[in-house]
PDB file of N, CA and C in Angstrom:
ATOM      1  N   MET A   1     -13.488   4.504  -2.548  1.00  0.00           N
ATOM      2  CA  MET A   1     -13.425   5.859  -2.044  1.00  0.00           C
ATOM      3  C   MET A   1     -12.305   6.603  -2.771  1.00  0.00           C
ATOM      4  N   GLN A   2     -12.615   7.749  -3.268  1.00  0.00           N
ATOM      5  CA  GLN A   2     -11.635   8.518  -4.015  1.00  0.00           C
ATOM      6  C   GLN A   2     -10.871   9.450  -3.072  1.00  0.00           C
ATOM      7  N   ASN A   3      -9.557   9.485  -3.239  1.00  0.00           N
ATOM      8  CA  ASN A   3      -8.736  10.393  -2.443  1.00  0.00           C
ATOM      9  C   ASN A   3      -8.843  11.792  -3.023  1.00  0.00           C
ATOM     10  N   THR A   4      -9.102  12.770  -2.162  1.00  0.00           N
ATOM     11  CA  THR A   4      -9.241  14.130  -2.637  1.00  0.00           C
ATOM     12  C   THR A   4      -7.985  14.955  -2.382  1.00  0.00           C
ATOM     13  N   HIS A   5      -7.086  14.454  -1.551  1.00  0.00           N
ATOM     14  CA  HIS A   5      -5.868  15.183  -1.229  1.00  0.00           C
ATOM     15  C   HIS A   5      -4.667  14.389  -1.719  1.00  0.00           C
ATOM     16  N   ARG A   6      -3.767  15.084  -2.387  1.00  0.00           N
ATOM     17  CA  ARG A   6      -2.538  14.443  -2.884  1.00  0.00           C
ATOM     18  C   ARG A   6      -1.340  15.180  -2.315  1.00  0.00           C
ATOM     19  N   PRO A   7      -0.330  14.420  -1.870  1.00  0.00           N
ATOM     20  CA  PRO A   7       0.852  15.092  -1.338  1.00  0.00           C
ATOM     21  C   PRO A   7       1.707  15.677  -2.453  1.00  0.00           C
ATOM     22  N   THR A   8       2.294  16.802  -2.166  1.00  0.00           N
ATOM     23  CA  THR A   8       3.242  17.395  -3.100  1.00  0.00           C
ATOM     24  C   THR A   8       4.675  17.222  -2.576  1.00  0.00           C
ATOM     25  N   ARG A   9       4.788  16.890  -1.285  1.00  0.00           N
ATOM     26  CA  ARG A   9       6.099  16.650  -0.690  1.00  0.00           C
ATOM     27  C   ARG A   9       5.955  15.774   0.539  1.00  0.00           C
ATOM     28  N   LEU A  10       6.832  14.777   0.646  1.00  0.00           N
ATOM     29  CA  LEU A  10       6.919  13.888   1.814  1.00  0.00           C
ATOM     30  C   LEU A  10       8.379  13.833   2.228  1.00  0.00           C
ATOM     31  N   LYS A  11       8.648  14.028   3.506  1.00  0.00           N
ATOM     32  CA  LYS A  11      10.033  13.967   3.967  1.00  0.00           C
ATOM     33  C   LYS A  11      10.077  13.362   5.359  1.00  0.00           C
ATOM     34  N   LEU A  12      10.909  12.306   5.508  1.00  0.00           N
ATOM     35  CA  LEU A  12      11.144  11.728   6.822  1.00  0.00           C
ATOM     36  C   LEU A  12      12.266  12.499   7.494  1.00  0.00           C
ATOM     37  N   ARG A  13      12.017  12.977   8.672  1.00  0.00           N
ATOM     38  CA  ARG A  13      13.055  13.626   9.479  1.00  0.00           C
ATOM     39  C   ARG A  13      13.355  12.691  10.640  1.00  0.00           C
ATOM     40  N   THR A  14      14.318  11.803  10.437  1.00  0.00           N
ATOM     41  CA  THR A  14      14.563  10.719  11.391  1.00  0.00           C
ATOM     42  C   THR A  14      15.097  11.207  12.735  1.00  0.00           C
ATOM     43  N   ARG A  15      15.921  12.224  12.749  1.00  0.00           N
ATOM     44  CA  ARG A  15      16.460  12.702  14.030  1.00  0.00           C
ATOM     45  C   ARG A  15      15.379  13.325  14.900  1.00  0.00           C
ATOM     46  N   SER A  16      14.488  14.076  14.307  1.00  0.00           N
ATOM     47  CA  SER A  16      13.403  14.694  15.083  1.00  0.00           C
ATOM     48  C   SER A  16      12.146  13.823  15.104  1.00  0.00           C
ATOM     49  N   ARG A  17      12.203  12.681  14.429  1.00  0.00           N
ATOM     50  CA  ARG A  17      11.088  11.713  14.392  1.00  0.00           C
ATOM     51  C   ARG A  17       9.785  12.357  13.917  1.00  0.00           C
ATOM     52  N   LEU A  18       9.863  12.973  12.743  1.00  0.00           N
ATOM     53  CA  LEU A  18       8.695  13.629  12.147  1.00  0.00           C
ATOM     54  C   LEU A  18       8.577  13.257  10.676  1.00  0.00           C
ATOM     55  N   LEU A  19       7.350  13.110  10.223  1.00  0.00           N
ATOM     56  CA  LEU A  19       7.061  13.019   8.803  1.00  0.00           C
ATOM     57  C   LEU A  19       6.499  14.373   8.402  1.00  0.00           C
ATOM     58  N   GLU A  20       7.205  15.051   7.511  1.00  0.00           N
ATOM     59  CA  GLU A  20       6.707  16.320   6.968  1.00  0.00           C
ATOM     60  C   GLU A  20       5.939  15.994   5.700  1.00  0.00           C
ATOM     61  N   ILE A  21       4.737  16.542   5.612  1.00  0.00           N
ATOM     62  CA  ILE A  21       3.927  16.287   4.427  1.00  0.00           C
ATOM     63  C   ILE A  21       3.191  17.557   4.032  1.00  0.00           C
ATOM     64  N   GLU A  22       3.271  17.869   2.738  1.00  0.00           N
ATOM     65  CA  GLU A  22       2.545  19.003   2.168  1.00  0.00           C
ATOM     66  C   GLU A  22       1.578  18.461   1.136  1.00  0.00           C
ATOM     67  N   PHE A  23       0.404  19.055   1.081  1.00  0.00           N
ATOM     68  CA  PHE A  23      -0.641  18.602   0.166  1.00  0.00           C
ATOM     69  C   PHE A  23      -0.960  19.654  -0.879  1.00  0.00           C
ATOM     70  N   ASP A  24      -1.602  19.190  -1.945  1.00  0.00           N
ATOM     71  CA  ASP A  24      -1.955  20.070  -3.051  1.00  0.00           C
ATOM     72  C   ASP A  24      -2.995  21.127  -2.680  1.00  0.00           C
ATOM     73  N   ASP A  25      -3.646  20.973  -1.516  1.00  0.00           N
ATOM     74  CA  ASP A  25      -4.595  22.001  -1.076  1.00  0.00           C
ATOM     75  C   ASP A  25      -3.914  23.062  -0.216  1.00  0.00           C
ATOM     76  N   GLY A  26      -2.578  22.966  -0.081  1.00  0.00           N
ATOM     77  CA  GLY A  26      -1.825  23.937   0.701  1.00  0.00           C
ATOM     78  C   GLY A  26      -1.597  23.535   2.151  1.00  0.00           C
ATOM     79  N   ALA A  27      -2.236  22.468   2.605  1.00  0.00           N
ATOM     80  CA  ALA A  27      -2.053  22.019   3.986  1.00  0.00           C
ATOM     81  C   ALA A  27      -0.659  21.430   4.167  1.00  0.00           C
ATOM     82  N   CYS A  28      -0.041  21.762   5.298  1.00  0.00           N
ATOM     83  CA  CYS A  28       1.291  21.251   5.637  1.00  0.00           C
ATOM     84  C   CYS A  28       1.225  20.715   7.067  1.00  0.00           C
ATOM     85  N   PHE A  29       1.769  19.528   7.265  1.00  0.00           N
ATOM     86  CA  PHE A  29       1.732  18.916   8.590  1.00  0.00           C
ATOM     87  C   PHE A  29       3.081  18.317   8.943  1.00  0.00           C
ATOM     88  N   GLU A  30       3.390  18.308  10.227  1.00  0.00           N
ATOM     89  CA  GLU A  30       4.517  17.569  10.775  1.00  0.00           C
ATOM     90  C   GLU A  30       3.907  16.532  11.701  1.00  0.00           C
ATOM     91  N   LEU A  31       4.016  15.271  11.312  1.00  0.00           N
ATOM     92  CA  LEU A  31       3.383  14.195  12.067  1.00  0.00           C
ATOM     93  C   LEU A  31       4.453  13.384  12.785  1.00  0.00           C
ATOM     94  N   PRO A  32       4.434  13.381  14.133  1.00  0.00           N
ATOM     95  CA  PRO A  32       5.411  12.610  14.885  1.00  0.00           C
ATOM     96  C   PRO A  32       5.279  11.112  14.595  1.00  0.00           C
ATOM     97  N   PHE A  33       6.412  10.430  14.553  1.00  0.00           N
ATOM     98  CA  PHE A  33       6.405   8.992  14.295  1.00  0.00           C
ATOM     99  C   PHE A  33       5.531   8.262  15.307  1.00  0.00           C
ATOM    100  N   GLU A  34       5.613   8.650  16.573  1.00  0.00           N
ATOM    101  CA  GLU A  34       4.801   8.000  17.613  1.00  0.00           C
ATOM    102  C   GLU A  34       3.316   8.115  17.276  1.00  0.00           C
ATOM    103  N   TYR A  35       2.885   9.282  16.884  1.00  0.00           N
ATOM    104  CA  TYR A  35       1.486   9.519  16.523  1.00  0.00           C
ATOM    105  C   TYR A  35       1.079   8.627  15.353  1.00  0.00           C
ATOM    106  N   LEU A  36       1.943   8.546  14.344  1.00  0.00           N
ATOM    107  CA  LEU A  36       1.656   7.687  13.191  1.00  0.00           C
ATOM    108  C   LEU A  36       1.568   6.224  13.603  1.00  0.00           C
ATOM    109  N   ARG A  37       2.411   5.801  14.527  1.00  0.00           N
ATOM    110  CA  ARG A  37       2.401   4.402  14.991  1.00  0.00           C
ATOM    111  C   ARG A  37       1.158   4.115  15.814  1.00  0.00           C
ATOM    112  N   VAL A  38       0.798   5.037  16.703  1.00  0.00           N
ATOM    113  CA  VAL A  38      -0.382   4.872  17.557  1.00  0.00           C
ATOM    114  C   VAL A  38      -1.655   4.823  16.718  1.00  0.00           C
ATOM    115  N   TYR A  39      -1.694   5.600  15.646  1.00  0.00           N
ATOM    116  CA  TYR A  39      -2.875   5.651  14.778  1.00  0.00           C
ATOM    117  C   TYR A  39      -2.660   4.904  13.460  1.00  0.00           C
ATOM    118  N   SER A  40      -1.874   3.843  13.507  1.00  0.00           N
ATOM    119  CA  SER A  40      -1.670   3.023  12.312  1.00  0.00           C
ATOM    120  C   SER A  40      -3.008   2.516  11.794  1.00  0.00           C
ATOM    121  N   PRO A  41      -3.191   2.532  10.476  1.00  0.00           N
ATOM    122  CA  PRO A  41      -4.446   2.030   9.904  1.00  0.00           C
ATOM    123  C   PRO A  41      -4.499   0.511   9.810  1.00  0.00           C
ATOM    124  N   SER A  42      -3.527  -0.188  10.361  1.00  0.00           N
ATOM    125  CA  SER A  42      -3.482  -1.648  10.240  1.00  0.00           C
ATOM    126  C   SER A  42      -4.563  -2.323  11.083  1.00  0.00           C
ATOM    127  N   ALA A  43      -4.944  -3.515  10.677  1.00  0.00           N
ATOM    128  CA  ALA A  43      -5.903  -4.303  11.446  1.00  0.00           C
ATOM    129  C   ALA A  43      -5.320  -4.665  12.812  1.00  0.00           C
ATOM    130  N   GLU A  44      -4.012  -4.800  12.895  1.00  0.00           N
ATOM    131  CA  GLU A  44      -3.345  -5.111  14.162  1.00  0.00           C
ATOM    132  C   GLU A  44      -3.635  -4.036  15.209  1.00  0.00           C
ATOM    133  N   VAL A  45      -3.734  -2.784  14.784  1.00  0.00           N
ATOM    134  CA  VAL A  45      -3.988  -1.671  15.687  1.00  0.00           C
ATOM    135  C   VAL A  45      -5.472  -1.347  15.753  1.00  0.00           C
ATOM    136  N   ARG A  46      -6.124  -1.256  14.610  1.00  0.00           N
ATOM    137  CA  ARG A  46      -7.536  -0.859  14.549  1.00  0.00           C
ATOM    138  C   ARG A  46      -8.513  -1.983  14.850  1.00  0.00           C
ATOM    139  N   GLY A  47      -8.063  -3.224  14.690  1.00  0.00           N
ATOM    140  CA  GLY A  47      -8.981  -4.341  14.837  1.00  0.00           C
ATOM    141  C   GLY A  47      -9.796  -4.519  13.573  1.00  0.00           C
ATOM    142  N   HIS A  48     -10.774  -5.396  13.657  1.00  0.00           N
ATOM    143  CA  HIS A  48     -11.613  -5.674  12.484  1.00  0.00           C
ATOM    144  C   HIS A  48     -13.021  -5.117  12.644  1.00  0.00           C
ATOM    145  N   GLY A  49     -13.216  -4.286  13.641  1.00  0.00           N
ATOM    146  CA  GLY A  49     -14.515  -3.678  13.855  1.00  0.00           C
ATOM    147  C   GLY A  49     -14.486  -2.816  15.098  1.00  0.00           C
ATOM    148  N   PRO A  50     -15.557  -2.072  15.341  1.00  0.00           N
ATOM    149  CA  PRO A  50     -15.615  -1.183  16.503  1.00  0.00           C
ATOM    150  C   PRO A  50     -15.381  -1.959  17.806  1.00  0.00           C
ATOM    151  N   GLY A  51     -14.580  -1.359  18.672  1.00  0.00           N
ATOM    152  CA  GLY A  51     -14.303  -1.974  19.966  1.00  0.00           C
ATOM    153  C   GLY A  51     -13.172  -2.991  19.945  1.00  0.00           C
ATOM    154  N   GLN A  52     -12.588  -3.230  18.785  1.00  0.00           N
ATOM    155  CA  GLN A  52     -11.514  -4.218  18.686  1.00  0.00           C
ATOM    156  C   GLN A  52     -10.131  -3.570  18.571  1.00  0.00           C
ATOM    157  N   GLU A  53     -10.064  -2.258  18.784  1.00  0.00           N
ATOM    158  CA  GLU A  53      -8.794  -1.550  18.683  1.00  0.00           C
ATOM    159  C   GLU A  53      -7.830  -2.024  19.770  1.00  0.00           C
ATOM    160  N   THR A  54      -6.544  -1.977  19.457  1.00  0.00           N
ATOM    161  CA  THR A  54      -5.507  -2.313  20.420  1.00  0.00           C
ATOM    162  C   THR A  54      -4.740  -1.037  20.743  1.00  0.00           C
ATOM    163  N   LEU A  55      -4.821  -0.630  22.008  1.00  0.00           N
ATOM    164  CA  LEU A  55      -4.139   0.585  22.437  1.00  0.00           C
ATOM    165  C   LEU A  55      -2.632   0.369  22.348  1.00  0.00           C
ATOM    166  N   GLN A  56      -1.958   1.264  21.670  1.00  0.00           N
ATOM    167  CA  GLN A  56      -0.507   1.190  21.501  1.00  0.00           C
ATOM    168  C   GLN A  56       0.153   2.013  22.607  1.00  0.00           C
ATOM    169  N   ILE A  57       1.035   1.375  23.362  1.00  0.00           N
ATOM    170  CA  ILE A  57       1.726   2.086  24.438  1.00  0.00           C
ATOM    171  C   ILE A  57       3.238   1.901  24.274  1.00  0.00           C
ATOM    172  N   GLY A  58       3.983   2.807  24.875  1.00  0.00           N
ATOM    173  CA  GLY A  58       5.434   2.714  24.844  1.00  0.00           C
ATOM    174  C   GLY A  58       6.053   2.959  23.480  1.00  0.00           C
ATOM    175  N   LYS A  59       5.432   3.772  22.670  1.00  0.00           N
ATOM    176  CA  LYS A  59       5.923   4.032  21.304  1.00  0.00           C
ATOM    177  C   LYS A  59       6.593   5.393  21.165  1.00  0.00           C
ATOM    178  N   HIS A  60       6.889   6.069  22.274  1.00  0.00           N
ATOM    179  CA  HIS A  60       7.428   7.438  22.202  1.00  0.00           C
ATOM    180  C   HIS A  60       8.811   7.513  21.571  1.00  0.00           C
ATOM    181  N   GLU A  61       9.551   6.420  21.522  1.00  0.00           N
ATOM    182  CA  GLU A  61      10.884   6.436  20.904  1.00  0.00           C
ATOM    183  C   GLU A  61      10.912   5.719  19.549  1.00  0.00           C
ATOM    184  N   VAL A  62       9.750   5.359  19.030  1.00  0.00           N
ATOM    185  CA  VAL A  62       9.705   4.584  17.790  1.00  0.00           C
ATOM    186  C   VAL A  62      10.270   5.391  16.619  1.00  0.00           C
ATOM    187  N   GLY A  63      10.927   4.681  15.726  1.00  0.00           N
ATOM    188  CA  GLY A  63      11.462   5.307  14.531  1.00  0.00           C
ATOM    189  C   GLY A  63      10.828   4.713  13.283  1.00  0.00           C
ATOM    190  N   ILE A  64      11.035   5.364  12.171  1.00  0.00           N
ATOM    191  CA  ILE A  64      10.609   4.843  10.871  1.00  0.00           C
ATOM    192  C   ILE A  64      11.871   4.594  10.072  1.00  0.00           C
ATOM    193  N   THR A  65      12.023   3.368   9.590  1.00  0.00           N
ATOM    194  CA  THR A  65      13.230   3.010   8.845  1.00  0.00           C
ATOM    195  C   THR A  65      13.036   3.086   7.344  1.00  0.00           C
ATOM    196  N   GLN A  66      11.781   2.962   6.886  1.00  0.00           N
ATOM    197  CA  GLN A  66      11.505   3.023   5.450  1.00  0.00           C
ATOM    198  C   GLN A  66      10.129   3.614   5.203  1.00  0.00           C
ATOM    199  N   MET A  67      10.011   4.236   4.043  1.00  0.00           N
ATOM    200  CA  MET A  67       8.731   4.756   3.567  1.00  0.00           C
ATOM    201  C   MET A  67       8.616   4.271   2.125  1.00  0.00           C
ATOM    202  N   GLU A  68       7.641   3.405   1.879  1.00  0.00           N
ATOM    203  CA  GLU A  68       7.514   2.784   0.566  1.00  0.00           C
ATOM    204  C   GLU A  68       6.219   3.223  -0.101  1.00  0.00           C
ATOM    205  N   PRO A  69       6.297   3.759  -1.323  1.00  0.00           N
ATOM    206  CA  PRO A  69       5.067   4.140  -2.031  1.00  0.00           C
ATOM    207  C   PRO A  69       4.240   2.908  -2.384  1.00  0.00           C
ATOM    208  N   VAL A  70       2.937   3.067  -2.344  1.00  0.00           N
ATOM    209  CA  VAL A  70       1.999   2.015  -2.739  1.00  0.00           C
ATOM    210  C   VAL A  70       1.104   2.625  -3.806  1.00  0.00           C
ATOM    211  N   GLY A  71       1.374   2.269  -5.046  1.00  0.00           N
ATOM    212  CA  GLY A  71       0.624   2.853  -6.147  1.00  0.00           C
ATOM    213  C   GLY A  71       0.726   4.368  -6.106  1.00  0.00           C
ATOM    214  N   SER A  72      -0.357   5.023  -6.454  1.00  0.00           N
ATOM    215  CA  SER A  72      -0.379   6.486  -6.421  1.00  0.00           C
ATOM    216  C   SER A  72      -1.326   7.001  -5.345  1.00  0.00           C
ATOM    217  N   TYR A  73      -1.644   6.140  -4.370  1.00  0.00           N
ATOM    218  CA  TYR A  73      -2.658   6.516  -3.392  1.00  0.00           C
ATOM    219  C   TYR A  73      -2.229   6.399  -1.933  1.00  0.00           C
ATOM    220  N   ALA A  74      -1.039   5.818  -1.651  1.00  0.00           N
ATOM    221  CA  ALA A  74      -0.687   5.561  -0.260  1.00  0.00           C
ATOM    222  C   ALA A  74       0.809   5.354  -0.088  1.00  0.00           C
ATOM    223  N   VAL A  75       1.189   5.207   1.174  1.00  0.00           N
ATOM    224  CA  VAL A  75       2.569   4.891   1.533  1.00  0.00           C
ATOM    225  C   VAL A  75       2.520   3.852   2.665  1.00  0.00           C
ATOM    226  N   ARG A  76       3.504   2.969   2.649  1.00  0.00           N
ATOM    227  CA  ARG A  76       3.645   2.003   3.741  1.00  0.00           C
ATOM    228  C   ARG A  76       4.843   2.436   4.563  1.00  0.00           C
ATOM    229  N   LEU A  77       4.632   2.586   5.869  1.00  0.00           N
ATOM    230  CA  LEU A  77       5.702   2.993   6.765  1.00  0.00           C
ATOM    231  C   LEU A  77       6.225   1.771   7.503  1.00  0.00           C
ATOM    232  N   VAL A  78       7.539   1.630   7.549  1.00  0.00           N
ATOM    233  CA  VAL A  78       8.179   0.526   8.262  1.00  0.00           C
ATOM    234  C   VAL A  78       8.790   1.104   9.530  1.00  0.00           C
ATOM    235  N   PHE A  79       8.261   0.676  10.666  1.00  0.00           N
ATOM    236  CA  PHE A  79       8.709   1.172  11.963  1.00  0.00           C
ATOM    237  C   PHE A  79       9.801   0.270  12.525  1.00  0.00           C
ATOM    238  N   ASP A  80      10.673   0.845  13.334  1.00  0.00           N
ATOM    239  CA  ASP A  80      11.780   0.059  13.865  1.00  0.00           C
ATOM    240  C   ASP A  80      11.382  -0.904  14.987  1.00  0.00           C
ATOM    241  N   ASP A  81      10.104  -0.911  15.376  1.00  0.00           N
ATOM    242  CA  ASP A  81       9.637  -1.912  16.338  1.00  0.00           C
ATOM    243  C   ASP A  81       9.069  -3.143  15.625  1.00  0.00           C
ATOM    244  N   GLY A  82       9.251  -3.198  14.295  1.00  0.00           N
ATOM    245  CA  GLY A  82       8.800  -4.343  13.516  1.00  0.00           C
ATOM    246  C   GLY A  82       7.443  -4.160  12.861  1.00  0.00           C
ATOM    247  N   HIS A  83       6.725  -3.117  13.226  1.00  0.00           N
ATOM    248  CA  HIS A  83       5.397  -2.886  12.645  1.00  0.00           C
ATOM    249  C   HIS A  83       5.556  -2.358  11.219  1.00  0.00           C
ATOM    250  N   ASP A  84       4.911  -3.030  10.268  1.00  0.00           N
ATOM    251  CA  ASP A  84       5.003  -2.578   8.877  1.00  0.00           C
ATOM    252  C   ASP A  84       3.731  -2.864   8.095  1.00  0.00           C
ATOM    253  N   SER A  85       2.648  -3.140   8.801  1.00  0.00           N
ATOM    254  CA  SER A  85       1.384  -3.374   8.085  1.00  0.00           C
ATOM    255  C   SER A  85       0.517  -2.125   8.199  1.00  0.00           C
ATOM    256  N   GLY A  86      -0.367  -1.987   7.287  1.00  0.00           N
ATOM    257  CA  GLY A  86      -1.224  -0.812   7.248  1.00  0.00           C
ATOM    258  C   GLY A  86      -0.744   0.165   6.199  1.00  0.00           C
ATOM    259  N   LEU A  87      -1.659   0.573   5.367  1.00  0.00           N
ATOM    260  CA  LEU A  87      -1.346   1.527   4.307  1.00  0.00           C
ATOM    261  C   LEU A  87      -1.903   2.893   4.687  1.00  0.00           C
ATOM    262  N   TYR A  88      -1.036   3.876   4.695  1.00  0.00           N
ATOM    263  CA  TYR A  88      -1.426   5.246   5.006  1.00  0.00           C
ATOM    264  C   TYR A  88      -1.808   5.924   3.700  1.00  0.00           C
ATOM    265  N   THR A  89      -3.112   5.982   3.428  1.00  0.00           N
ATOM    266  CA  THR A  89      -3.556   6.647   2.205  1.00  0.00           C
ATOM    267  C   THR A  89      -3.353   8.153   2.358  1.00  0.00           C
ATOM    268  N   TRP A  90      -3.341   8.838   1.234  1.00  0.00           N
ATOM    269  CA  TRP A  90      -3.163  10.289   1.285  1.00  0.00           C
ATOM    270  C   TRP A  90      -4.291  10.926   2.092  1.00  0.00           C
ATOM    271  N   SER A  91      -5.501  10.449   1.903  1.00  0.00           N
ATOM    272  CA  SER A  91      -6.633  11.014   2.653  1.00  0.00           C
ATOM    273  C   SER A  91      -6.484  10.777   4.153  1.00  0.00           C
ATOM    274  N   TYR A  92      -6.000   9.585   4.524  1.00  0.00           N
ATOM    275  CA  TYR A  92      -5.825   9.293   5.951  1.00  0.00           C
ATOM    276  C   TYR A  92      -4.718  10.159   6.547  1.00  0.00           C
ATOM    277  N   LEU A  93      -3.617  10.351   5.830  1.00  0.00           N
ATOM    278  CA  LEU A  93      -2.550  11.218   6.329  1.00  0.00           C
ATOM    279  C   LEU A  93      -3.037  12.660   6.477  1.00  0.00           C
ATOM    280  N   HIS A  94      -3.853  13.107   5.538  1.00  0.00           N
ATOM    281  CA  HIS A  94      -4.433  14.454   5.632  1.00  0.00           C
ATOM    282  C   HIS A  94      -5.319  14.544   6.874  1.00  0.00           C
ATOM    283  N   GLU A  95      -6.141  13.526   7.095  1.00  0.00           N
ATOM    284  CA  GLU A  95      -7.002  13.489   8.283  1.00  0.00           C
ATOM    285  C   GLU A  95      -6.163  13.505   9.562  1.00  0.00           C
ATOM    286  N   LEU A  96      -5.093  12.709   9.590  1.00  0.00           N
ATOM    287  CA  LEU A  96      -4.230  12.677  10.777  1.00  0.00           C
ATOM    288  C   LEU A  96      -3.628  14.051  11.055  1.00  0.00           C
ATOM    289  N   GLY A  97      -3.247  14.754  10.009  1.00  0.00           N
ATOM    290  CA  GLY A  97      -2.716  16.098  10.186  1.00  0.00           C
ATOM    291  C   GLY A  97      -3.774  17.080  10.636  1.00  0.00           C
ATOM    292  N   ARG A  98      -4.890  17.055   9.966  1.00  0.00           N
ATOM    293  CA  ARG A  98      -5.987  17.986  10.265  1.00  0.00           C
ATOM    294  C   ARG A  98      -6.517  17.803  11.684  1.00  0.00           C
ATOM    295  N   ASP A  99      -6.635  16.550  12.129  1.00  0.00           N
ATOM    296  CA  ASP A  99      -7.267  16.241  13.418  1.00  0.00           C
ATOM    297  C   ASP A  99      -6.267  15.857  14.507  1.00  0.00           C
ATOM    298  N   ARG A 100      -5.011  16.207  14.284  1.00  0.00           N
ATOM    299  CA  ARG A 100      -3.952  15.740  15.197  1.00  0.00           C
ATOM    300  C   ARG A 100      -4.214  16.106  16.658  1.00  0.00           C
ATOM    301  N   GLU A 101      -4.558  17.345  16.915  1.00  0.00           N
ATOM    302  CA  GLU A 101      -4.758  17.789  18.295  1.00  0.00           C
ATOM    303  C   GLU A 101      -5.842  16.976  19.001  1.00  0.00           C
ATOM    304  N   GLN A 102      -6.977  16.801  18.346  1.00  0.00           N
ATOM    305  CA  GLN A 102      -8.081  16.062  18.955  1.00  0.00           C
ATOM    306  C   GLN A 102      -7.748  14.586  19.120  1.00  0.00           C
ATOM    307  N   LYS A 103      -7.144  13.993  18.100  1.00  0.00           N
ATOM    308  CA  LYS A 103      -6.808  12.569  18.181  1.00  0.00           C
ATOM    309  C   LYS A 103      -5.770  12.311  19.279  1.00  0.00           C
ATOM    310  N   TRP A 104      -4.767  13.183  19.369  1.00  0.00           N
ATOM    311  CA  TRP A 104      -3.734  12.986  20.386  1.00  0.00           C
ATOM    312  C   TRP A 104      -4.326  13.163  21.782  1.00  0.00           C
ATOM    313  N   ALA A 105      -5.199  14.147  21.964  1.00  0.00           N
ATOM    314  CA  ALA A 105      -5.855  14.353  23.261  1.00  0.00           C
ATOM    315  C   ALA A 105      -6.681  13.123  23.637  1.00  0.00           C
ATOM    316  N   ARG A 106      -7.356  12.533  22.654  1.00  0.00           N
ATOM    317  CA  ARG A 106      -8.152  11.325  22.900  1.00  0.00           C
ATOM    318  C   ARG A 106      -7.251  10.165  23.327  1.00  0.00           C
ATOM    319  N   TYR A 107      -6.098  10.038  22.681  1.00  0.00           N
ATOM    320  CA  TYR A 107      -5.142   8.985  23.032  1.00  0.00           C
ATOM    321  C   TYR A 107      -4.640   9.170  24.464  1.00  0.00           C
ATOM    322  N   LEU A 108      -4.221  10.389  24.810  1.00  0.00           N
ATOM    323  CA  LEU A 108      -3.728  10.650  26.161  1.00  0.00           C
ATOM    324  C   LEU A 108      -4.820  10.429  27.207  1.00  0.00           C
ATOM    325  N   ALA A 109      -6.063  10.793  26.883  1.00  0.00           N
ATOM    326  CA  ALA A 109      -7.178  10.575  27.805  1.00  0.00           C
ATOM    327  C   ALA A 109      -7.419   9.076  28.017  1.00  0.00           C
ATOM    328  N   ARG A 110      -7.300   8.311  26.959  1.00  0.00           N
ATOM    329  CA  ARG A 110      -7.489   6.857  27.082  1.00  0.00           C
ATOM    330  C   ARG A 110      -6.406   6.246  27.966  1.00  0.00           C
ATOM    331  N   LEU A 111      -5.159   6.681  27.793  1.00  0.00           N
ATOM    332  CA  LEU A 111      -4.079   6.211  28.669  1.00  0.00           C
ATOM    333  C   LEU A 111      -4.385   6.558  30.122  1.00  0.00           C
ATOM    334  N   ALA A 112      -4.810   7.799  30.353  1.00  0.00           N
ATOM    335  CA  ALA A 112      -5.114   8.252  31.711  1.00  0.00           C
ATOM    336  C   ALA A 112      -6.251   7.435  32.332  1.00  0.00           C
ATOM    337  N   GLU A 113      -7.293   7.149  31.545  1.00  0.00           N
ATOM    338  CA  GLU A 113      -8.409   6.340  32.033  1.00  0.00           C
ATOM    339  C   GLU A 113      -7.953   4.971  32.513  1.00  0.00           C
ATOM    340  N   LEU A 114      -6.948   4.431  31.832  1.00  0.00           N
ATOM    341  CA  LEU A 114      -6.443   3.101  32.174  1.00  0.00           C
ATOM    342  C   LEU A 114      -5.313   3.152  33.197  1.00  0.00           C
ATOM    343  N   GLY A 115      -4.956   4.369  33.641  1.00  0.00           N
ATOM    344  CA  GLY A 115      -3.901   4.517  34.631  1.00  0.00           C
ATOM    345  C   GLY A 115      -2.506   4.266  34.082  1.00  0.00           C
ATOM    346  N   ILE A 116      -2.347   4.438  32.780  1.00  0.00           N
ATOM    347  CA  ILE A 116      -1.042   4.230  32.138  1.00  0.00           C
ATOM    348  C   ILE A 116      -0.355   5.586  32.037  1.00  0.00           C
ATOM    349  N   PRO A 117       0.771   5.761  32.736  1.00  0.00           N
ATOM    350  CA  PRO A 117       1.448   7.063  32.669  1.00  0.00           C
ATOM    351  C   PRO A 117       2.078   7.294  31.305  1.00  0.00           C
ATOM    352  N   TYR A 118       2.011   8.533  30.879  1.00  0.00           N
ATOM    353  CA  TYR A 118       2.659   8.899  29.623  1.00  0.00           C
ATOM    354  C   TYR A 118       3.966   9.588  29.966  1.00  0.00           C
ATOM    355  N   PRO A 119       5.086   9.137  29.379  1.00  0.00           N
ATOM    356  CA  PRO A 119       6.378   9.752  29.721  1.00  0.00           C
ATOM    357  C   PRO A 119       6.458  11.193  29.241  1.00  0.00           C
ATOM    358  N   THR A 120       6.937  12.045  30.097  1.00  0.00           N
ATOM    359  CA  THR A 120       7.159  13.434  29.684  1.00  0.00           C
ATOM    360  C   THR A 120       8.597  13.561  29.239  1.00  0.00           C
ATOM    361  N   PRO A 121       8.830  14.325  28.199  1.00  0.00           N
ATOM    362  CA  PRO A 121      10.213  14.462  27.706  1.00  0.00           C
ATOM    363  C   PRO A 121      11.092  15.184  28.708  1.00  0.00           C
ATOM    364  N   ALA A 122      12.353  14.817  28.735  1.00  0.00           N
ATOM    365  CA  ALA A 122      13.315  15.492  29.591  1.00  0.00           C
ATOM    366  C   ALA A 122      13.532  16.904  29.068  1.00  0.00           C
ATOM    367  N   PRO A 123      13.747  17.861  29.983  1.00  0.00           N
ATOM    368  CA  PRO A 123      13.997  19.237  29.520  1.00  0.00           C
ATOM    369  C   PRO A 123      15.267  19.279  28.675  1.00  0.00           C
ATOM    370  N   ARG A 124      15.230  20.099  27.642  1.00  0.00           N
ATOM    371  CA  ARG A 124      16.385  20.234  26.746  1.00  0.00           C
ATOM    372  C   ARG A 124      17.189  21.455  27.160  1.00  0.00           C
ATOM    373  N   GLY A 125      18.489  21.337  27.043  1.00  0.00           N
ATOM    374  CA  GLY A 125      19.381  22.463  27.314  1.00  0.00           C
ATOM    375  C   GLY A 125      19.289  23.500  26.220  1.00  0.00           C
ATOM    376  N   ARG A 126      19.756  24.682  26.502  1.00  0.00           N
ATOM    377  CA  ARG A 126      19.703  25.752  25.494  1.00  0.00           C
ATOM    378  C   ARG A 126      20.938  25.806  24.679  1.00  0.00           C
TER     379      ARG A 126
END
């Protein structure tokens, strides 16, 4: 499969837990570390076929300690919870950015179906 989107800029923002990514088609995304961890392309998370996915919970405070290039087509993210498998291809990162709202809503709905509460962030002072 050929990647059609190439990043022009990648930046880890560790304090705000965001990966900023800009693509050659002009698309720009801020992807939360938790979202990237929940939607890791690894077999550990996705399984080896339909219905074998493992729901990731309790990842709201996860960090990324390293971002390693893999050839000219992907990046490997090293999370501070020990997860470091799965290659985030440029096309997959573009998809995660493009479909973030729908994918995140699906994740929250799945948690709700299973009765798993999702932590709400504490209000921030001004």
